[in-house]
PDB file of all heavy atoms in Angstrom:
ATOM      1  N   VAL A   1       0.954  -1.210  -0.039  1.00  0.00           N
ATOM      2  CA  VAL A   1      -0.035  -0.059  -0.031  1.00  0.00           C
ATOM      3  C   VAL A   1       0.881   1.257   0.069  1.00  0.00           C
ATOM      4  O   VAL A   1       0.666   2.167  -0.651  1.00  0.00           O
ATOM      5  CB  VAL A   1      -0.909  -0.040   1.226  1.00  0.00           C
ATOM      6  CG1 VAL A   1      -1.763   1.338   1.217  1.00  0.00           C
ATOM      7  CG2 VAL A   1      -1.910  -1.204   1.152  1.00  0.00           C
ATOM      8  N   ILE A   2       1.927   1.266   0.787  1.00  0.00           N
ATOM      9  CA  ILE A   2       2.846   2.435   0.844  1.00  0.00           C
ATOM     10  C   ILE A   2       3.481   2.649  -0.498  1.00  0.00           C
ATOM     11  O   ILE A   2       3.630   3.771  -0.916  1.00  0.00           O
ATOM     12  CB  ILE A   2       3.912   2.165   1.912  1.00  0.00           C
ATOM     13  CG1 ILE A   2       3.278   2.318   3.281  1.00  0.00           C
ATOM     14  CG2 ILE A   2       4.975   3.272   1.809  1.00  0.00           C
ATOM     15  CD1 ILE A   2       4.093   1.901   4.429  1.00  0.00           C
ATOM     16  N   THR A   3       3.903   1.590  -1.197  1.00  0.00           N
ATOM     17  CA  THR A   3       4.503   1.669  -2.414  1.00  0.00           C
ATOM     18  C   THR A   3       3.623   2.380  -3.471  1.00  0.00           C
ATOM     19  O   THR A   3       3.963   3.292  -4.299  1.00  0.00           O
ATOM     20  CB  THR A   3       4.983   0.353  -3.007  1.00  0.00           C
ATOM     21  OG1 THR A   3       5.879  -0.283  -2.137  1.00  0.00           O
ATOM     22  CG2 THR A   3       5.626   0.382  -4.406  1.00  0.00           C
ATOM     23  N   LEU A   4       2.279   1.800  -3.483  1.00  0.00           N
ATOM     24  CA  LEU A   4       1.292   2.423  -4.417  1.00  0.00           C
ATOM     25  C   LEU A   4       1.072   3.892  -4.064  1.00  0.00           C
ATOM     26  O   LEU A   4       0.928   4.618  -4.979  1.00  0.00           O
ATOM     27  CB  LEU A   4       0.008   1.564  -4.338  1.00  0.00           C
ATOM     28  CG  LEU A   4      -0.037   0.151  -4.831  1.00  0.00           C
ATOM     29  CD1 LEU A   4      -1.270  -0.505  -4.415  1.00  0.00           C
ATOM     30  CD2 LEU A   4       0.233   0.196  -6.313  1.00  0.00           C
ATOM     31  N   THR A   5       1.049   4.210  -2.726  1.00  0.00           N
ATOM     32  CA  THR A   5       0.766   5.580  -2.328  1.00  0.00           C
ATOM     33  C   THR A   5       1.871   6.427  -2.807  1.00  0.00           C
ATOM     34  O   THR A   5       1.586   7.640  -3.152  1.00  0.00           O
ATOM     35  CB  THR A   5       0.558   5.615  -0.829  1.00  0.00           C
ATOM     36  OG1 THR A   5      -0.527   4.729  -0.376  1.00  0.00           O
ATOM     37  CG2 THR A   5       0.180   6.986  -0.271  1.00  0.00           C
ATOM     38  N   GLY A   6       3.049   6.010  -2.598  1.00  0.00           N
ATOM     39  CA  GLY A   6       4.128   6.863  -2.874  1.00  0.00           C
ATOM     40  C   GLY A   6       4.177   7.203  -4.449  1.00  0.00           C
ATOM     41  O   GLY A   6       4.439   8.381  -4.921  1.00  0.00           O
ATOM     42  N   ILE A   7       3.963   6.249  -5.249  1.00  0.00           N
ATOM     43  CA  ILE A   7       3.820   6.467  -6.710  1.00  0.00           C
ATOM     44  C   ILE A   7       2.678   7.441  -7.089  1.00  0.00           C
ATOM     45  O   ILE A   7       2.886   8.413  -7.836  1.00  0.00           O
ATOM     46  CB  ILE A   7       3.624   5.177  -7.520  1.00  0.00           C
ATOM     47  CG1 ILE A   7       4.865   4.237  -7.334  1.00  0.00           C
ATOM     48  CG2 ILE A   7       3.425   5.509  -8.977  1.00  0.00           C
ATOM     49  CD1 ILE A   7       4.687   2.848  -7.880  1.00  0.00           C
ATOM     50  N   SER A   8       1.581   7.244  -6.444  1.00  0.00           N
ATOM     51  CA  SER A   8       0.379   8.059  -6.684  1.00  0.00           C
ATOM     52  C   SER A   8       0.529   9.546  -6.188  1.00  0.00           C
ATOM     53  O   SER A   8       0.233  10.477  -6.974  1.00  0.00           O
ATOM     54  CB  SER A   8      -0.926   7.488  -6.095  1.00  0.00           C
ATOM     55  OG  SER A   8      -1.121   6.149  -6.510  1.00  0.00           O
ATOM     56  N   VAL A   9       0.973   9.651  -4.951  1.00  0.00           N
ATOM     57  CA  VAL A   9       1.275  10.943  -4.465  1.00  0.00           C
ATOM     58  C   VAL A   9       2.166  11.837  -5.256  1.00  0.00           C
ATOM     59  O   VAL A   9       2.005  13.002  -5.484  1.00  0.00           O
ATOM     60  CB  VAL A   9       1.667  11.005  -2.994  1.00  0.00           C
ATOM     61  CG1 VAL A   9       2.144  12.295  -2.429  1.00  0.00           C
ATOM     62  CG2 VAL A   9       0.556  10.432  -2.092  1.00  0.00           C
ATOM     63  N   GLY A  10       3.262  11.104  -5.692  1.00  0.00           N
ATOM     64  CA  GLY A  10       4.260  11.779  -6.625  1.00  0.00           C
ATOM     65  C   GLY A  10       3.696  12.274  -7.898  1.00  0.00           C
ATOM     66  O   GLY A  10       3.857  13.459  -8.260  1.00  0.00           O
ATOM     67  N   SER A  11       2.723  11.565  -8.425  1.00  0.00           N
ATOM     68  CA  SER A  11       2.070  11.983  -9.634  1.00  0.00           C
ATOM     69  C   SER A  11       1.037  13.061  -9.354  1.00  0.00           C
ATOM     70  O   SER A  11       0.958  14.021 -10.130  1.00  0.00           O
ATOM     71  CB  SER A  11       1.248  10.794 -10.241  1.00  0.00           C
ATOM     72  OG  SER A  11       2.184   9.708 -10.687  1.00  0.00           O
ATOM     73  N   LEU A  12       0.299  12.991  -8.222  1.00  0.00           N
ATOM     74  CA  LEU A  12      -0.575  14.041  -7.906  1.00  0.00           C
ATOM     75  C   LEU A  12       0.115  15.287  -7.571  1.00  0.00           C
ATOM     76  O   LEU A  12      -0.398  16.386  -7.947  1.00  0.00           O
ATOM     77  CB  LEU A  12      -1.427  13.541  -6.669  1.00  0.00           C
ATOM     78  CG  LEU A  12      -2.329  12.396  -6.888  1.00  0.00           C
ATOM     79  CD1 LEU A  12      -2.921  11.972  -5.501  1.00  0.00           C
ATOM     80  CD2 LEU A  12      -3.505  12.875  -7.732  1.00  0.00           C
ATOM     81  N   LEU A  13       1.193  15.304  -6.876  1.00  0.00           N
ATOM     82  CA  LEU A  13       1.955  16.576  -6.588  1.00  0.00           C
ATOM     83  C   LEU A  13       2.498  17.058  -7.877  1.00  0.00           C
ATOM     84  O   LEU A  13       2.769  18.365  -7.944  1.00  0.00           O
ATOM     85  CB  LEU A  13       3.022  16.149  -5.500  1.00  0.00           C
ATOM     86  CG  LEU A  13       2.608  15.912  -4.140  1.00  0.00           C
ATOM     87  CD1 LEU A  13       3.879  15.606  -3.237  1.00  0.00           C
ATOM     88  CD2 LEU A  13       1.735  17.037  -3.539  1.00  0.00           C
ATOM     89  N   GLY A  14       2.734  16.275  -8.812  1.00  0.00           N
ATOM     90  CA  GLY A  14       3.257  16.844 -10.152  1.00  0.00           C
ATOM     91  C   GLY A  14       2.203  17.439 -10.951  1.00  0.00           C
ATOM     92  O   GLY A  14       2.455  18.071 -12.089  1.00  0.00           O
ATOM     93  N   GLY A  15       0.925  17.297 -10.500  1.00  0.00           N
ATOM     94  CA  GLY A  15      -0.193  18.027 -11.223  1.00  0.00           C
ATOM     95  C   GLY A  15      -0.924  17.016 -12.048  1.00  0.00           C
ATOM     96  O   GLY A  15      -0.366  16.051 -12.746  1.00  0.00           O
ATOM     97  N   THR A  16      -2.191  17.156 -12.036  1.00  0.00           N
ATOM     98  CA  THR A  16      -3.100  16.274 -12.849  1.00  0.00           C
ATOM     99  C   THR A  16      -3.797  17.277 -13.903  1.00  0.00           C
ATOM    100  O   THR A  16      -4.729  17.820 -13.671  1.00  0.00           O
ATOM    101  CB  THR A  16      -4.202  15.607 -11.987  1.00  0.00           C
ATOM    102  OG1 THR A  16      -4.765  16.573 -11.237  1.00  0.00           O
ATOM    103  CG2 THR A  16      -3.540  14.587 -11.141  1.00  0.00           C
ATOM    104  N   VAL A  17      -3.136  17.381 -15.050  1.00  0.00           N
ATOM    105  CA  VAL A  17      -3.571  18.357 -16.006  1.00  0.00           C
ATOM    106  C   VAL A  17      -4.954  18.326 -16.381  1.00  0.00           C
ATOM    107  O   VAL A  17      -5.709  19.413 -16.391  1.00  0.00           O
ATOM    108  CB  VAL A  17      -2.626  18.365 -17.342  1.00  0.00           C
ATOM    109  CG1 VAL A  17      -2.962  19.300 -18.240  1.00  0.00           C
ATOM    110  CG2 VAL A  17      -1.209  18.402 -16.829  1.00  0.00           C
ATOM    111  N   ILE A  18      -5.491  17.283 -16.767  1.00  0.00           N
ATOM    112  CA  ILE A  18      -6.798  16.962 -17.351  1.00  0.00           C
ATOM    113  C   ILE A  18      -7.873  17.427 -16.281  1.00  0.00           C
ATOM    114  O   ILE A  18      -8.803  18.267 -16.552  1.00  0.00           O
ATOM    115  CB  ILE A  18      -7.037  15.693 -17.899  1.00  0.00           C
ATOM    116  CG1 ILE A  18      -6.065  15.409 -19.152  1.00  0.00           C
ATOM    117  CG2 ILE A  18      -8.497  15.567 -18.419  1.00  0.00           C
ATOM    118  CD1 ILE A  18      -6.159  13.961 -19.635  1.00  0.00           C
ATOM    119  N   ILE A  19      -7.700  16.786 -15.193  1.00  0.00           N
ATOM    120  CA  ILE A  19      -8.714  17.049 -14.120  1.00  0.00           C
ATOM    121  C   ILE A  19      -8.816  18.587 -13.614  1.00  0.00           C
ATOM    122  O   ILE A  19      -9.841  19.185 -13.510  1.00  0.00           O
ATOM    123  CB  ILE A  19      -8.421  16.220 -12.882  1.00  0.00           C
ATOM    124  CG1 ILE A  19      -8.502  14.673 -13.219  1.00  0.00           C
ATOM    125  CG2 ILE A  19      -9.409  16.505 -11.752  1.00  0.00           C
ATOM    126  CD1 ILE A  19      -9.836  14.295 -13.728  1.00  0.00           C
ATOM    127  N   GLU A  20      -7.532  19.174 -13.527  1.00  0.00           N
ATOM    128  CA  GLU A  20      -7.510  20.618 -13.154  1.00  0.00           C
ATOM    129  C   GLU A  20      -8.038  21.452 -14.149  1.00  0.00           C
ATOM    130  O   GLU A  20      -8.644  22.524 -13.917  1.00  0.00           O
ATOM    131  CB  GLU A  20      -5.950  20.909 -12.842  1.00  0.00           C
ATOM    132  CG  GLU A  20      -5.444  20.255 -11.559  1.00  0.00           C
ATOM    133  CD  GLU A  20      -3.981  20.655 -11.402  1.00  0.00           C
ATOM    134  OE1 GLU A  20      -3.415  21.508 -12.039  1.00  0.00           O
ATOM    135  OE2 GLU A  20      -3.379  20.000 -10.462  1.00  0.00           O
ATOM    136  N   THR A  21      -7.824  21.135 -15.473  1.00  0.00           N
ATOM    137  CA  THR A  21      -8.440  21.903 -16.514  1.00  0.00           C
ATOM    138  C   THR A  21      -9.914  21.802 -16.533  1.00  0.00           C
ATOM    139  O   THR A  21     -10.697  22.817 -16.671  1.00  0.00           O
ATOM    140  CB  THR A  21      -7.868  21.458 -17.930  1.00  0.00           C
ATOM    141  OG1 THR A  21      -6.375  21.457 -17.907  1.00  0.00           O
ATOM    142  CG2 THR A  21      -8.352  22.240 -19.062  1.00  0.00           C
ATOM    143  N   ILE A  22     -10.557  20.589 -16.379  1.00  0.00           N
ATOM    144  CA  ILE A  22     -11.891  20.389 -16.386  1.00  0.00           C
ATOM    145  C   ILE A  22     -12.603  21.217 -15.339  1.00  0.00           C
ATOM    146  O   ILE A  22     -13.696  21.945 -15.537  1.00  0.00           O
ATOM    147  CB  ILE A  22     -12.272  18.931 -16.266  1.00  0.00           C
ATOM    148  CG1 ILE A  22     -11.953  18.176 -17.615  1.00  0.00           C
ATOM    149  CG2 ILE A  22     -13.711  18.776 -16.044  1.00  0.00           C
ATOM    150  CD1 ILE A  22     -12.083  16.675 -17.533  1.00  0.00           C
ATOM    151  N   PHE A  23     -11.934  21.175 -14.138  1.00  0.00           N
ATOM    152  CA  PHE A  23     -12.666  21.859 -12.992  1.00  0.00           C
ATOM    153  C   PHE A  23     -12.131  23.259 -12.716  1.00  0.00           C
ATOM    154  O   PHE A  23     -12.373  23.876 -11.770  1.00  0.00           O
ATOM    155  CB  PHE A  23     -12.516  20.985 -11.718  1.00  0.00           C
ATOM    156  CG  PHE A  23     -13.253  19.724 -11.804  1.00  0.00           C
ATOM    157  CD1 PHE A  23     -12.597  18.506 -12.061  1.00  0.00           C
ATOM    158  CD2 PHE A  23     -14.623  19.707 -11.419  1.00  0.00           C
ATOM    159  CE1 PHE A  23     -13.417  17.362 -12.059  1.00  0.00           C
ATOM    160  CE2 PHE A  23     -15.371  18.602 -11.529  1.00  0.00           C
ATOM    161  CZ  PHE A  23     -14.738  17.362 -11.767  1.00  0.00           C
ATOM    162  N   ASN A  24     -11.213  23.691 -13.616  1.00  0.00           N
ATOM    163  CA  ASN A  24     -10.586  25.079 -13.569  1.00  0.00           C
ATOM    164  C   ASN A  24      -9.897  25.171 -12.216  1.00  0.00           C
ATOM    165  O   ASN A  24     -10.138  26.295 -11.488  1.00  0.00           O
ATOM    166  CB  ASN A  24     -11.686  26.077 -13.747  1.00  0.00           C
ATOM    167  CG  ASN A  24     -10.941  27.473 -13.964  1.00  0.00           C
ATOM    168  OD1 ASN A  24      -9.916  27.508 -14.563  1.00  0.00           O
ATOM    169  ND2 ASN A  24     -11.614  28.538 -13.567  1.00  0.00           N
TER     170      ASN A  24
END
Protein backbone atom coordinates (compact mmCIF):
# COMPACT_ATOMS: atom_id res chain seq x y z
CA VAL A 1 0.00 0.00 0.00
CA ILE A 2 2.83 2.41 0.83
CA THR A 3 4.51 1.66 -2.50
CA LEU A 4 1.31 2.40 -4.41
CA THR A 5 0.72 5.53 -2.32
CA GLY A 6 4.22 6.84 -2.98
CA ILE A 7 3.82 6.50 -6.74
CA SER A 8 0.35 8.08 -6.72
CA VAL A 9 1.23 10.99 -4.43
CA GLY A 10 4.26 11.79 -6.57
CA SER A 11 2.02 11.96 -9.65
CA LEU A 12 -0.61 14.01 -7.85
CA LEU A 13 1.94 16.53 -6.60
CA GLY A 14 3.25 16.80 -10.14
CA GLY A 15 -0.15 18.00 -11.23
CA THR A 16 -3.14 16.34 -12.89
CA VAL A 17 -3.51 18.41 -16.01
CA ILE A 18 -6.82 17.11 -17.37
CA ILE A 19 -8.72 17.11 -14.06
CA GLU A 20 -7.45 20.57 -13.13
CA THR A 21 -8.41 21.88 -16.56
CA ILE A 22 -11.93 20.41 -16.43
CA PHE A 23 -12.66 21.87 -12.98
CA ASN A 24 -10.61 25.05 -13.54
